[in-house]
Amino acid sequence: MSMTRRERLAAALRGEPVDRPPVALWRHFPVDDQDPEQLAQSVAAFQAHYDWDFVKFTPSSSFCVEDWGCRAVYRGRPEGTSDYVARPVSVPADWRRIEPLDPYAGALGAHLAAIRRARELIDPDVPLLATIFSPISQAKNLIGDGMEIVHLRRHRSDLVYALEAITETTIRFVQAALAAGADGIFYAMQRCTADVISEAEYRDVCRPLDLRILEAVHAAQGETTFILLHLHGLYSYFDIAAEYPAQALNWHDRDTGPDLAEGARRFPGMVVGGLSQRDIVEGTPATIQTLARQAIDAMGGRRVCLSTGCVMPTTAPWGNIRALRAAVDR
């Protein structure tokens, strides 16, 4: 049987048989991500060349905080991420200056235009996911140096004031992104990790905000909802994310526990991974295909999408990328 990409992804999300496992990689497009048309063109070109089963639309992380006063510049990092050079929060009282934003204005509006343009350029059969950062992840970028966690513990009411405004803005943006053509979201949970925050703190302060955003996606999409969670970090609270109402979960499975098979026992949806960032950069086409086969076999070919545990570095050899894409066809 031959499936369309939407059919294949829907079957994989439900744990049903597929003609081949889904596969997808995503990367940053530094400098291009400062212009909506250039970003859309680059994302579309990457998709056209490799033919992934879905597109994870990757902006600079600053897109969602620029309108509050953040500024970031690209300085050559291999992952394609930018360095923050201006932040609006330095003392606890500054959190009270963070107010809800209009998603159709400023940097948020520009990113909506990029999503809309990408949807025009990419085959309609390819699902497109908008990248959404959790409120605490956005707060991290508003202040820097991990001080949002210090303020969580010592000036909680000030931080919570800002987190409410961030959550409201994010819900508005999610609704606008879905209306602009996104088929779902890639929800980045960058602070849900034991080397940053306690599990009790995350559950008490951050989890309710995460759930409000995810519920907004479900309300907008109904049965067609596609939420891919990303747990960032080597000491992440896997079981927090596993409880969330999402269809897929991506984490650093090759660098930390659990492995894919164990993750699939603890999370009911599709698991996304099988390779690390190091594998895709330092490996060879032969080792990439071996890892891909091991991941597929570990999952019995079901409920798995091949990918890296985090964003693919811009330095990944093209031959390794092609090897991963070819692995599922064999």
C-alpha atoms as a PDB file:
ATOM      1  CA  MET A   1       0.000   0.000   0.000  1.00  0.00           C
ATOM      2  CA  SER A   2       1.131   3.519  -0.704  1.00  0.00           C
ATOM      3  CA  MET A   3       0.119   6.379   1.564  1.00  0.00           C
ATOM      4  CA  THR A   4       0.079  10.125   1.262  1.00  0.00           C
ATOM      5  CA  ARG A   5       2.130  11.937   3.858  1.00  0.00           C
ATOM      6  CA  ARG A   6      -0.971  12.998   5.757  1.00  0.00           C
ATOM      7  CA  GLU A   7      -2.323   9.445   5.715  1.00  0.00           C
ATOM      8  CA  ARG A   8       1.019   8.031   6.844  1.00  0.00           C
ATOM      9  CA  LEU A   9       1.375  10.511   9.672  1.00  0.00           C
ATOM     10  CA  ALA A  10      -2.209  10.012  10.844  1.00  0.00           C
ATOM     11  CA  ALA A  11      -1.724   6.242  10.916  1.00  0.00           C
ATOM     12  CA  ALA A  12       1.589   6.528  12.770  1.00  0.00           C
ATOM     13  CA  LEU A  13       0.035   8.826  15.354  1.00  0.00           C
ATOM     14  CA  ARG A  14      -2.673   6.222  15.975  1.00  0.00           C
ATOM     15  CA  GLY A  15      -0.214   3.320  16.104  1.00  0.00           C
ATOM     16  CA  GLU A  16      -1.638   1.717  12.968  1.00  0.00           C
ATOM     17  CA  PRO A  17       0.358   0.018  10.165  1.00  0.00           C
ATOM     18  CA  VAL A  18       2.146   2.329   7.722  1.00  0.00           C
ATOM     19  CA  ASP A  19       3.694   1.801   4.306  1.00  0.00           C
ATOM     20  CA  ARG A  20       6.939   3.124   5.798  1.00  0.00           C
ATOM     21  CA  PRO A  21       7.799   4.973   9.017  1.00  0.00           C
ATOM     22  CA  PRO A  22       7.578   8.774   8.856  1.00  0.00           C
ATOM     23  CA  VAL A  23      10.820  10.757   8.892  1.00  0.00           C
ATOM     24  CA  ALA A  24      11.467  14.460   9.448  1.00  0.00           C
ATOM     25  CA  LEU A  25      14.383  16.728  10.245  1.00  0.00           C
ATOM     26  CA  TRP A  26      14.279  20.431  10.958  1.00  0.00           C
ATOM     27  CA  ARG A  27      16.959  23.103  11.205  1.00  0.00           C
ATOM     28  CA  HIS A  28      17.463  26.790  11.815  1.00  0.00           C
ATOM     29  CA  PHE A  29      17.970  29.179   8.921  1.00  0.00           C
ATOM     30  CA  PRO A  30      20.091  31.919  10.521  1.00  0.00           C
ATOM     31  CA  VAL A  31      19.968  35.377   8.940  1.00  0.00           C
ATOM     32  CA  ASP A  32      17.169  34.137   6.640  1.00  0.00           C
ATOM     33  CA  ASP A  33      14.962  33.923   9.729  1.00  0.00           C
ATOM     34  CA  GLN A  34      15.052  37.712  10.057  1.00  0.00           C
ATOM     35  CA  ASP A  35      12.928  38.141   6.926  1.00  0.00           C
ATOM     36  CA  PRO A  36       9.536  36.405   6.459  1.00  0.00           C
ATOM     37  CA  GLU A  37       9.947  35.771   2.736  1.00  0.00           C
ATOM     38  CA  GLN A  38      13.520  34.498   3.035  1.00  0.00           C
ATOM     39  CA  LEU A  39      12.603  32.168   5.908  1.00  0.00           C
ATOM     40  CA  ALA A  40       9.598  30.776   4.047  1.00  0.00           C
ATOM     41  CA  GLN A  41      11.682  30.236   0.907  1.00  0.00           C
ATOM     42  CA  SER A  42      14.451  28.462   2.826  1.00  0.00           C
ATOM     43  CA  VAL A  43      12.063  26.181   4.718  1.00  0.00           C
ATOM     44  CA  ALA A  44      10.263  25.329   1.456  1.00  0.00           C
ATOM     45  CA  ALA A  45      13.563  24.605  -0.329  1.00  0.00           C
ATOM     46  CA  PHE A  46      14.714  22.307   2.495  1.00  0.00           C
ATOM     47  CA  GLN A  47      11.422  20.426   2.264  1.00  0.00           C
ATOM     48  CA  ALA A  48      11.514  20.224  -1.530  1.00  0.00           C
ATOM     49  CA  HIS A  49      15.021  18.756  -1.461  1.00  0.00           C
ATOM     50  CA  TYR A  50      14.507  16.083   1.199  1.00  0.00           C
ATOM     51  CA  ASP A  51      10.756  15.356   1.137  1.00  0.00           C
ATOM     52  CA  TRP A  52      10.043  15.036   4.879  1.00  0.00           C
ATOM     53  CA  ASP A  53       6.703  13.751   6.156  1.00  0.00           C
ATOM     54  CA  PHE A  54       5.994  17.027   7.925  1.00  0.00           C
ATOM     55  CA  VAL A  55       7.585  20.459   8.167  1.00  0.00           C
ATOM     56  CA  LYS A  56       8.588  21.884  11.522  1.00  0.00           C
ATOM     57  CA  PHE A  57       8.775  25.608  10.790  1.00  0.00           C
ATOM     58  CA  THR A  58      11.822  26.871  12.713  1.00  0.00           C
ATOM     59  CA  PRO A  59      12.223  30.590  13.451  1.00  0.00           C
ATOM     60  CA  SER A  60      14.757  32.319  15.638  1.00  0.00           C
ATOM     61  CA  SER A  61      13.675  31.889  19.257  1.00  0.00           C
ATOM     62  CA  SER A  62      13.561  35.676  19.529  1.00  0.00           C
ATOM     63  CA  PHE A  63      10.498  35.997  17.270  1.00  0.00           C
ATOM     64  CA  CYS A  64       8.091  35.668  20.207  1.00  0.00           C
ATOM     65  CA  VAL A  65       9.892  38.060  22.569  1.00  0.00           C
ATOM     66  CA  GLU A  66      11.156  40.804  20.258  1.00  0.00           C
ATOM     67  CA  ASP A  67       8.028  42.891  20.725  1.00  0.00           C
ATOM     68  CA  TRP A  68       8.733  43.005  24.464  1.00  0.00           C
ATOM     69  CA  GLY A  69      12.218  44.374  23.832  1.00  0.00           C
ATOM     70  CA  CYS A  70      14.521  41.426  23.156  1.00  0.00           C
ATOM     71  CA  ARG A  71      17.098  41.549  20.380  1.00  0.00           C
ATOM     72  CA  ALA A  72      19.242  38.686  19.112  1.00  0.00           C
ATOM     73  CA  VAL A  73      22.000  38.412  16.501  1.00  0.00           C
ATOM     74  CA  TYR A  74      23.529  35.420  14.723  1.00  0.00           C
ATOM     75  CA  ARG A  75      27.216  34.870  15.468  1.00  0.00           C
ATOM     76  CA  GLY A  76      27.903  31.572  13.763  1.00  0.00           C
ATOM     77  CA  ARG A  77      26.682  28.969  16.242  1.00  0.00           C
ATOM     78  CA  PRO A  78      26.541  25.524  14.515  1.00  0.00           C
ATOM     79  CA  GLU A  79      22.976  24.909  15.683  1.00  0.00           C
ATOM     80  CA  GLY A  80      21.945  28.110  13.884  1.00  0.00           C
ATOM     81  CA  THR A  81      20.750  29.781  17.079  1.00  0.00           C
ATOM     82  CA  SER A  82      21.288  33.472  17.790  1.00  0.00           C
ATOM     83  CA  ASP A  83      22.781  35.280  20.793  1.00  0.00           C
ATOM     84  CA  TYR A  84      20.640  37.672  22.819  1.00  0.00           C
ATOM     85  CA  VAL A  85      22.147  41.153  23.022  1.00  0.00           C
ATOM     86  CA  ALA A  86      19.242  43.043  24.619  1.00  0.00           C
ATOM     87  CA  ARG A  87      16.646  41.919  27.150  1.00  0.00           C
ATOM     88  CA  PRO A  88      13.794  43.906  28.741  1.00  0.00           C
ATOM     89  CA  VAL A  89      13.914  42.354  32.233  1.00  0.00           C
ATOM     90  CA  SER A  90      16.739  42.927  34.698  1.00  0.00           C
ATOM     91  CA  VAL A  91      15.014  43.393  38.079  1.00  0.00           C
ATOM     92  CA  PRO A  92      11.855  41.745  39.468  1.00  0.00           C
ATOM     93  CA  ALA A  93       9.709  44.844  38.954  1.00  0.00           C
ATOM     94  CA  ASP A  94      10.376  44.676  35.190  1.00  0.00           C
ATOM     95  CA  TRP A  95       8.150  41.598  34.907  1.00  0.00           C
ATOM     96  CA  ARG A  96       5.186  43.885  35.603  1.00  0.00           C
ATOM     97  CA  ARG A  97       5.911  45.685  32.327  1.00  0.00           C
ATOM     98  CA  ILE A  98       5.220  42.559  30.260  1.00  0.00           C
ATOM     99  CA  GLU A  99       1.718  42.956  28.832  1.00  0.00           C
ATOM    100  CA  PRO A 100      -0.230  40.876  26.260  1.00  0.00           C
ATOM    101  CA  LEU A 101       0.702  41.501  22.623  1.00  0.00           C
ATOM    102  CA  ASP A 102      -1.251  41.707  19.371  1.00  0.00           C
ATOM    103  CA  PRO A 103      -0.213  38.600  17.363  1.00  0.00           C
ATOM    104  CA  TYR A 104      -0.841  40.418  14.080  1.00  0.00           C
ATOM    105  CA  ALA A 105       1.615  43.239  14.812  1.00  0.00           C
ATOM    106  CA  GLY A 106       5.395  43.549  14.996  1.00  0.00           C
ATOM    107  CA  ALA A 107       7.628  40.483  14.994  1.00  0.00           C
ATOM    108  CA  LEU A 108       4.700  38.167  15.732  1.00  0.00           C
ATOM    109  CA  GLY A 109       2.812  39.500  12.719  1.00  0.00           C
ATOM    110  CA  ALA A 110       5.897  39.090  10.551  1.00  0.00           C
ATOM    111  CA  HIS A 111       6.205  35.459  11.618  1.00  0.00           C
ATOM    112  CA  LEU A 112       2.555  34.843  10.781  1.00  0.00           C
ATOM    113  CA  ALA A 113       3.314  36.172   7.312  1.00  0.00           C
ATOM    114  CA  ALA A 114       6.208  33.709   7.054  1.00  0.00           C
ATOM    115  CA  ILE A 115       3.944  30.801   8.047  1.00  0.00           C
ATOM    116  CA  ARG A 116       1.314  31.891   5.560  1.00  0.00           C
ATOM    117  CA  ARG A 117       3.885  32.175   2.782  1.00  0.00           C
ATOM    118  CA  ALA A 118       5.430  28.782   3.609  1.00  0.00           C
ATOM    119  CA  ARG A 119       2.009  27.175   3.420  1.00  0.00           C
ATOM    120  CA  GLU A 120       1.649  28.613  -0.088  1.00  0.00           C
ATOM    121  CA  LEU A 121       5.034  27.226  -1.156  1.00  0.00           C
ATOM    122  CA  ILE A 122       4.873  23.744   0.379  1.00  0.00           C
ATOM    123  CA  ASP A 123       2.862  20.817  -1.000  1.00  0.00           C
ATOM    124  CA  PRO A 124      -0.583  20.822   0.670  1.00  0.00           C
ATOM    125  CA  ASP A 125      -0.115  17.131   1.538  1.00  0.00           C
ATOM    126  CA  VAL A 126       2.730  18.045   3.902  1.00  0.00           C
ATOM    127  CA  PRO A 127       1.581  19.024   7.416  1.00  0.00           C
ATOM    128  CA  LEU A 128       3.215  22.194   8.727  1.00  0.00           C
ATOM    129  CA  LEU A 129       3.895  22.765  12.425  1.00  0.00           C
ATOM    130  CA  ALA A 130       4.418  26.218  13.927  1.00  0.00           C
ATOM    131  CA  THR A 131       7.085  26.436  16.629  1.00  0.00           C
ATOM    132  CA  ILE A 132       5.700  27.598  19.967  1.00  0.00           C
ATOM    133  CA  PHE A 133       7.852  28.156  23.054  1.00  0.00           C
ATOM    134  CA  SER A 134       6.406  27.476  26.487  1.00  0.00           C
ATOM    135  CA  PRO A 135       5.833  30.546  28.684  1.00  0.00           C
ATOM    136  CA  ILE A 136       8.724  29.748  31.006  1.00  0.00           C
ATOM    137  CA  SER A 137      10.985  29.267  27.950  1.00  0.00           C
ATOM    138  CA  GLN A 138      10.022  32.726  26.754  1.00  0.00           C
ATOM    139  CA  ALA A 139      10.628  34.156  30.232  1.00  0.00           C
ATOM    140  CA  LYS A 140      14.131  32.643  30.110  1.00  0.00           C
ATOM    141  CA  ASN A 141      14.904  34.738  27.042  1.00  0.00           C
ATOM    142  CA  LEU A 142      13.380  37.884  28.512  1.00  0.00           C
ATOM    143  CA  ILE A 143      15.910  37.965  31.365  1.00  0.00           C
ATOM    144  CA  GLY A 144      18.785  35.523  30.707  1.00  0.00           C
ATOM    145  CA  ASP A 145      21.315  33.767  32.957  1.00  0.00           C
ATOM    146  CA  GLY A 146      18.635  31.557  34.506  1.00  0.00           C
ATOM    147  CA  MET A 147      17.366  34.453  36.577  1.00  0.00           C
ATOM    148  CA  GLU A 148      13.734  33.622  35.793  1.00  0.00           C
ATOM    149  CA  ILE A 149      14.110  30.624  38.124  1.00  0.00           C
ATOM    150  CA  VAL A 150      15.639  32.783  40.837  1.00  0.00           C
ATOM    151  CA  HIS A 151      12.683  35.158  40.520  1.00  0.00           C
ATOM    152  CA  LEU A 152      10.285  32.203  40.507  1.00  0.00           C
ATOM    153  CA  ARG A 153      11.602  31.331  43.946  1.00  0.00           C
ATOM    154  CA  ARG A 154      12.075  34.790  45.405  1.00  0.00           C
ATOM    155  CA  HIS A 155       9.693  37.099  43.506  1.00  0.00           C
ATOM    156  CA  ARG A 156       7.031  34.684  42.287  1.00  0.00           C
ATOM    157  CA  SER A 157       4.149  37.140  42.027  1.00  0.00           C
ATOM    158  CA  ASP A 158       6.152  39.409  39.706  1.00  0.00           C
ATOM    159  CA  LEU A 159       7.157  36.541  37.422  1.00  0.00           C
ATOM    160  CA  VAL A 160       3.652  35.025  37.420  1.00  0.00           C
ATOM    161  CA  TYR A 161       2.265  38.387  36.302  1.00  0.00           C
ATOM    162  CA  ALA A 162       4.483  38.199  33.218  1.00  0.00           C
ATOM    163  CA  LEU A 163       3.799  34.498  32.646  1.00  0.00           C
ATOM    164  CA  GLU A 164       0.074  35.244  32.453  1.00  0.00           C
ATOM    165  CA  ALA A 165       0.690  37.903  29.796  1.00  0.00           C
ATOM    166  CA  ILE A 166       3.012  35.546  27.899  1.00  0.00           C
ATOM    167  CA  THR A 167       0.439  32.743  28.028  1.00  0.00           C
ATOM    168  CA  GLU A 168      -2.359  34.984  26.778  1.00  0.00           C
ATOM    169  CA  THR A 169      -0.148  36.242  23.946  1.00  0.00           C
ATOM    170  CA  THR A 170       0.908  32.701  23.041  1.00  0.00           C
ATOM    171  CA  ILE A 171      -2.686  31.483  22.876  1.00  0.00           C
ATOM    172  CA  ARG A 172      -3.563  34.388  20.595  1.00  0.00           C
ATOM    173  CA  PHE A 173      -0.565  33.627  18.393  1.00  0.00           C
ATOM    174  CA  VAL A 174      -1.361  29.896  18.237  1.00  0.00           C
ATOM    175  CA  GLN A 175      -4.889  30.650  17.098  1.00  0.00           C
ATOM    176  CA  ALA A 176      -3.580  33.056  14.471  1.00  0.00           C
ATOM    177  CA  ALA A 177      -0.919  30.596  13.264  1.00  0.00           C
ATOM    178  CA  LEU A 178      -3.494  27.839  12.787  1.00  0.00           C
ATOM    179  CA  ALA A 179      -5.687  30.275  10.871  1.00  0.00           C
ATOM    180  CA  ALA A 180      -2.661  31.213   8.732  1.00  0.00           C
ATOM    181  CA  GLY A 181      -2.217  27.615   7.568  1.00  0.00           C
ATOM    182  CA  ALA A 182      -0.309  25.743  10.264  1.00  0.00           C
ATOM    183  CA  ASP A 183      -1.591  22.202  10.838  1.00  0.00           C
ATOM    184  CA  GLY A 184      -0.462  22.049  14.446  1.00  0.00           C
ATOM    185  CA  ILE A 185       2.355  23.092  16.726  1.00  0.00           C
ATOM    186  CA  PHE A 186       5.802  22.019  17.849  1.00  0.00           C
ATOM    187  CA  TYR A 187       5.702  22.878  21.545  1.00  0.00           C
ATOM    188  CA  ALA A 188       9.192  23.517  22.903  1.00  0.00           C
ATOM    189  CA  MET A 189       9.572  22.866  26.650  1.00  0.00           C
ATOM    190  CA  GLN A 190      13.066  24.186  27.321  1.00  0.00           C
ATOM    191  CA  ARG A 191      12.962  24.509  31.112  1.00  0.00           C
ATOM    192  CA  CYS A 192      11.264  21.251  32.103  1.00  0.00           C
ATOM    193  CA  THR A 193      14.502  19.768  33.366  1.00  0.00           C
ATOM    194  CA  ALA A 194      15.943  18.930  36.781  1.00  0.00           C
ATOM    195  CA  ASP A 195      19.119  20.983  36.371  1.00  0.00           C
ATOM    196  CA  VAL A 196      16.942  24.110  36.079  1.00  0.00           C
ATOM    197  CA  ILE A 197      13.769  23.717  38.135  1.00  0.00           C
ATOM    198  CA  SER A 198      12.259  21.256  40.610  1.00  0.00           C
ATOM    199  CA  GLU A 199       9.500  18.949  39.454  1.00  0.00           C
ATOM    200  CA  ALA A 200       7.146  20.439  42.047  1.00  0.00           C
ATOM    201  CA  GLU A 201       7.858  23.979  40.833  1.00  0.00           C
ATOM    202  CA  TYR A 202       7.248  23.012  37.227  1.00  0.00           C
ATOM    203  CA  ARG A 203       4.006  21.242  38.033  1.00  0.00           C
ATOM    204  CA  ASP A 204       2.782  24.087  40.217  1.00  0.00           C
ATOM    205  CA  VAL A 205       3.647  27.096  38.047  1.00  0.00           C
ATOM    206  CA  CYS A 206       4.426  25.987  34.483  1.00  0.00           C
ATOM    207  CA  ARG A 207       2.241  22.957  33.814  1.00  0.00           C
ATOM    208  CA  PRO A 208      -1.102  24.826  34.093  1.00  0.00           C
ATOM    209  CA  LEU A 209       0.110  27.398  31.560  1.00  0.00           C
ATOM    210  CA  ASP A 210       1.327  24.703  29.166  1.00  0.00           C
ATOM    211  CA  LEU A 211      -2.042  22.977  29.357  1.00  0.00           C
ATOM    212  CA  ARG A 212      -3.953  26.188  28.612  1.00  0.00           C
ATOM    213  CA  ILE A 213      -1.959  26.606  25.399  1.00  0.00           C
ATOM    214  CA  LEU A 214      -2.356  22.968  24.336  1.00  0.00           C
ATOM    215  CA  GLU A 215      -6.071  23.094  25.070  1.00  0.00           C
ATOM    216  CA  ALA A 216      -6.344  26.144  22.816  1.00  0.00           C
ATOM    217  CA  VAL A 217      -4.875  24.083  19.973  1.00  0.00           C
ATOM    218  CA  HIS A 218      -7.374  21.290  20.587  1.00  0.00           C
ATOM    219  CA  ALA A 219     -10.229  23.791  20.695  1.00  0.00           C
ATOM    220  CA  ALA A 220      -9.166  25.263  17.350  1.00  0.00           C
ATOM    221  CA  GLN A 221      -8.483  21.982  15.550  1.00  0.00           C
ATOM    222  CA  GLY A 222     -10.690  19.321  17.114  1.00  0.00           C
ATOM    223  CA  GLU A 223     -10.031  15.788  15.875  1.00  0.00           C
ATOM    224  CA  THR A 224      -7.276  16.899  13.478  1.00  0.00           C
ATOM    225  CA  THR A 225      -5.073  18.239  16.268  1.00  0.00           C
ATOM    226  CA  PHE A 226      -1.345  17.587  15.815  1.00  0.00           C
ATOM    227  CA  ILE A 227       0.856  18.638  18.729  1.00  0.00           C
ATOM    228  CA  LEU A 228       4.493  17.551  18.805  1.00  0.00           C
ATOM    229  CA  LEU A 229       6.096  18.162  22.197  1.00  0.00           C
ATOM    230  CA  HIS A 230       9.834  18.740  22.475  1.00  0.00           C
ATOM    231  CA  LEU A 231      11.540  18.106  25.816  1.00  0.00           C
ATOM    232  CA  HIS A 232      14.843  19.982  25.819  1.00  0.00           C
ATOM    233  CA  GLY A 233      17.684  18.950  28.098  1.00  0.00           C
ATOM    234  CA  LEU A 234      19.429  15.906  29.494  1.00  0.00           C
ATOM    235  CA  TYR A 235      17.551  15.778  32.808  1.00  0.00           C
ATOM    236  CA  SER A 236      14.028  16.431  31.586  1.00  0.00           C
ATOM    237  CA  TYR A 237      10.883  15.453  33.458  1.00  0.00           C
ATOM    238  CA  PHE A 238       9.677  12.962  30.874  1.00  0.00           C
ATOM    239  CA  ASP A 239       6.585  11.940  32.786  1.00  0.00           C
ATOM    240  CA  ILE A 240       5.292  15.515  32.953  1.00  0.00           C
ATOM    241  CA  ALA A 241       5.278  15.755  29.173  1.00  0.00           C
ATOM    242  CA  ALA A 242       3.946  12.197  28.826  1.00  0.00           C
ATOM    243  CA  GLU A 243       0.787  13.310  30.646  1.00  0.00           C
ATOM    244  CA  TYR A 244       0.102  16.191  28.249  1.00  0.00           C
ATOM    245  CA  PRO A 245      -2.672  16.025  25.614  1.00  0.00           C
ATOM    246  CA  ALA A 246      -0.300  15.697  22.649  1.00  0.00           C
ATOM    247  CA  GLN A 247       0.024  13.315  19.734  1.00  0.00           C
ATOM    248  CA  ALA A 248       3.827  13.063  19.503  1.00  0.00           C
ATOM    249  CA  LEU A 249       6.885  13.533  21.711  1.00  0.00           C
ATOM    250  CA  ASN A 250      10.498  14.321  20.828  1.00  0.00           C
ATOM    251  CA  TRP A 251      13.361  14.286  23.346  1.00  0.00           C
ATOM    252  CA  HIS A 252      17.114  13.610  23.504  1.00  0.00           C
ATOM    253  CA  ASP A 253      16.532   9.861  23.448  1.00  0.00           C
ATOM    254  CA  ARG A 254      20.083   8.991  22.355  1.00  0.00           C
ATOM    255  CA  ASP A 255      21.700  11.198  25.001  1.00  0.00           C
ATOM    256  CA  THR A 256      19.518  10.497  28.018  1.00  0.00           C
ATOM    257  CA  GLY A 257      16.708   8.200  29.100  1.00  0.00           C
ATOM    258  CA  PRO A 258      14.309   6.851  28.296  1.00  0.00           C
ATOM    259  CA  ASP A 259      15.126   5.162  24.996  1.00  0.00           C
ATOM    260  CA  LEU A 260      12.477   5.157  22.268  1.00  0.00           C
ATOM    261  CA  ALA A 261      10.854   1.859  23.233  1.00  0.00           C
ATOM    262  CA  GLU A 262      10.643   2.764  26.915  1.00  0.00           C
ATOM    263  CA  GLY A 263       9.397   6.224  26.017  1.00  0.00           C
ATOM    264  CA  ALA A 264       6.641   4.642  23.960  1.00  0.00           C
ATOM    265  CA  ARG A 265       5.581   2.575  26.954  1.00  0.00           C
ATOM    266  CA  ARG A 266       5.206   5.735  29.021  1.00  0.00           C
ATOM    267  CA  PHE A 267       3.739   8.004  26.335  1.00  0.00           C
ATOM    268  CA  PRO A 268       0.687   6.881  24.322  1.00  0.00           C
ATOM    269  CA  GLY A 269       1.414   8.774  21.094  1.00  0.00           C
ATOM    270  CA  MET A 270       4.111   8.710  18.420  1.00  0.00           C
ATOM    271  CA  VAL A 271       7.743   8.945  19.560  1.00  0.00           C
ATOM    272  CA  VAL A 272      10.081  11.050  17.437  1.00  0.00           C
ATOM    273  CA  GLY A 273      13.824  10.431  17.428  1.00  0.00           C
ATOM    274  CA  GLY A 274      16.340   7.618  17.047  1.00  0.00           C
ATOM    275  CA  LEU A 275      19.365   9.795  16.311  1.00  0.00           C
ATOM    276  CA  SER A 276      21.241  12.464  18.247  1.00  0.00           C
ATOM    277  CA  GLN A 277      22.527  15.776  16.960  1.00  0.00           C
ATOM    278  CA  ARG A 278      26.021  14.316  17.227  1.00  0.00           C
ATOM    279  CA  ASP A 279      25.017  11.268  15.152  1.00  0.00           C
ATOM    280  CA  ILE A 280      23.746  13.326  12.227  1.00  0.00           C
ATOM    281  CA  VAL A 281      26.870  15.559  12.231  1.00  0.00           C
ATOM    282  CA  GLU A 282      29.683  13.115  13.044  1.00  0.00           C
ATOM    283  CA  GLY A 283      28.273   9.878  11.631  1.00  0.00           C
ATOM    284  CA  THR A 284      28.470   8.419   8.149  1.00  0.00           C
ATOM    285  CA  PRO A 285      25.662   7.391   5.807  1.00  0.00           C
ATOM    286  CA  ALA A 286      26.247   3.791   6.902  1.00  0.00           C
ATOM    287  CA  THR A 287      26.009   4.540  10.631  1.00  0.00           C
ATOM    288  CA  ILE A 288      22.960   6.752  10.058  1.00  0.00           C
ATOM    289  CA  GLN A 289      21.146   3.925   8.297  1.00  0.00           C
ATOM    290  CA  THR A 290      22.121   1.456  11.030  1.00  0.00           C
ATOM    291  CA  LEU A 291      20.717   3.735  13.735  1.00  0.00           C
ATOM    292  CA  ALA A 292      17.563   4.287  11.703  1.00  0.00           C
ATOM    293  CA  ARG A 293      17.014   0.531  11.331  1.00  0.00           C
ATOM    294  CA  GLN A 294      17.615  -0.014  15.054  1.00  0.00           C
ATOM    295  CA  ALA A 295      15.009   2.623  15.938  1.00  0.00           C
ATOM    296  CA  ILE A 296      12.446   1.166  13.538  1.00  0.00           C
ATOM    297  CA  ASP A 297      13.054  -2.370  14.799  1.00  0.00           C
ATOM    298  CA  ALA A 298      12.831  -1.284  18.445  1.00  0.00           C
ATOM    299  CA  MET A 299       9.356   0.080  17.734  1.00  0.00           C
ATOM    300  CA  GLY A 300       8.212  -2.699  15.425  1.00  0.00           C
ATOM    301  CA  GLY A 301       7.789  -0.097  12.704  1.00  0.00           C
ATOM    302  CA  ARG A 302       4.868   1.574  14.450  1.00  0.00           C
ATOM    303  CA  ARG A 303       4.311   4.777  16.429  1.00  0.00           C
ATOM    304  CA  VAL A 304       7.747   6.083  15.463  1.00  0.00           C
ATOM    305  CA  CYS A 305       9.022   8.974  13.373  1.00  0.00           C
ATOM    306  CA  LEU A 306      12.743   9.071  12.662  1.00  0.00           C
ATOM    307  CA  SER A 307      14.464  12.314  13.587  1.00  0.00           C
ATOM    308  CA  THR A 308      17.138  13.779  15.827  1.00  0.00           C
ATOM    309  CA  GLY A 309      16.500  14.404  19.515  1.00  0.00           C
ATOM    310  CA  CYS A 310      16.784  18.156  18.950  1.00  0.00           C
ATOM    311  CA  VAL A 311      17.197  20.575  16.046  1.00  0.00           C
ATOM    312  CA  MET A 312      19.602  19.355  13.356  1.00  0.00           C
ATOM    313  CA  PRO A 313      22.814  21.441  13.363  1.00  0.00           C
ATOM    314  CA  THR A 314      23.459  23.467  10.229  1.00  0.00           C
ATOM    315  CA  THR A 315      26.779  21.601   9.898  1.00  0.00           C
ATOM    316  CA  ALA A 316      25.169  18.195   9.233  1.00  0.00           C
ATOM    317  CA  PRO A 317      26.603  16.634   6.042  1.00  0.00           C
ATOM    318  CA  TRP A 318      24.097  16.437   3.229  1.00  0.00           C
ATOM    319  CA  GLY A 319      24.999  12.786   2.646  1.00  0.00           C
ATOM    320  CA  ASN A 320      23.984  11.933   6.206  1.00  0.00           C
ATOM    321  CA  ILE A 321      20.688  13.759   5.773  1.00  0.00           C
ATOM    322  CA  ARG A 322      20.006  11.896   2.538  1.00  0.00           C
ATOM    323  CA  ALA A 323      20.935   8.606   4.231  1.00  0.00           C
ATOM    324  CA  LEU A 324      18.311   9.129   6.932  1.00  0.00           C
ATOM    325  CA  ARG A 325      15.665  10.000   4.377  1.00  0.00           C
ATOM    326  CA  ALA A 326      16.560   6.956   2.281  1.00  0.00           C
ATOM    327  CA  ALA A 327      16.565   4.631   5.297  1.00  0.00           C
ATOM    328  CA  VAL A 328      12.782   4.524   5.551  1.00  0.00           C
ATOM    329  CA  ASP A 329      12.384   3.628   1.871  1.00  0.00           C
ATOM    330  CA  ARG A 330      14.509   0.517   2.298  1.00  0.00           C
END
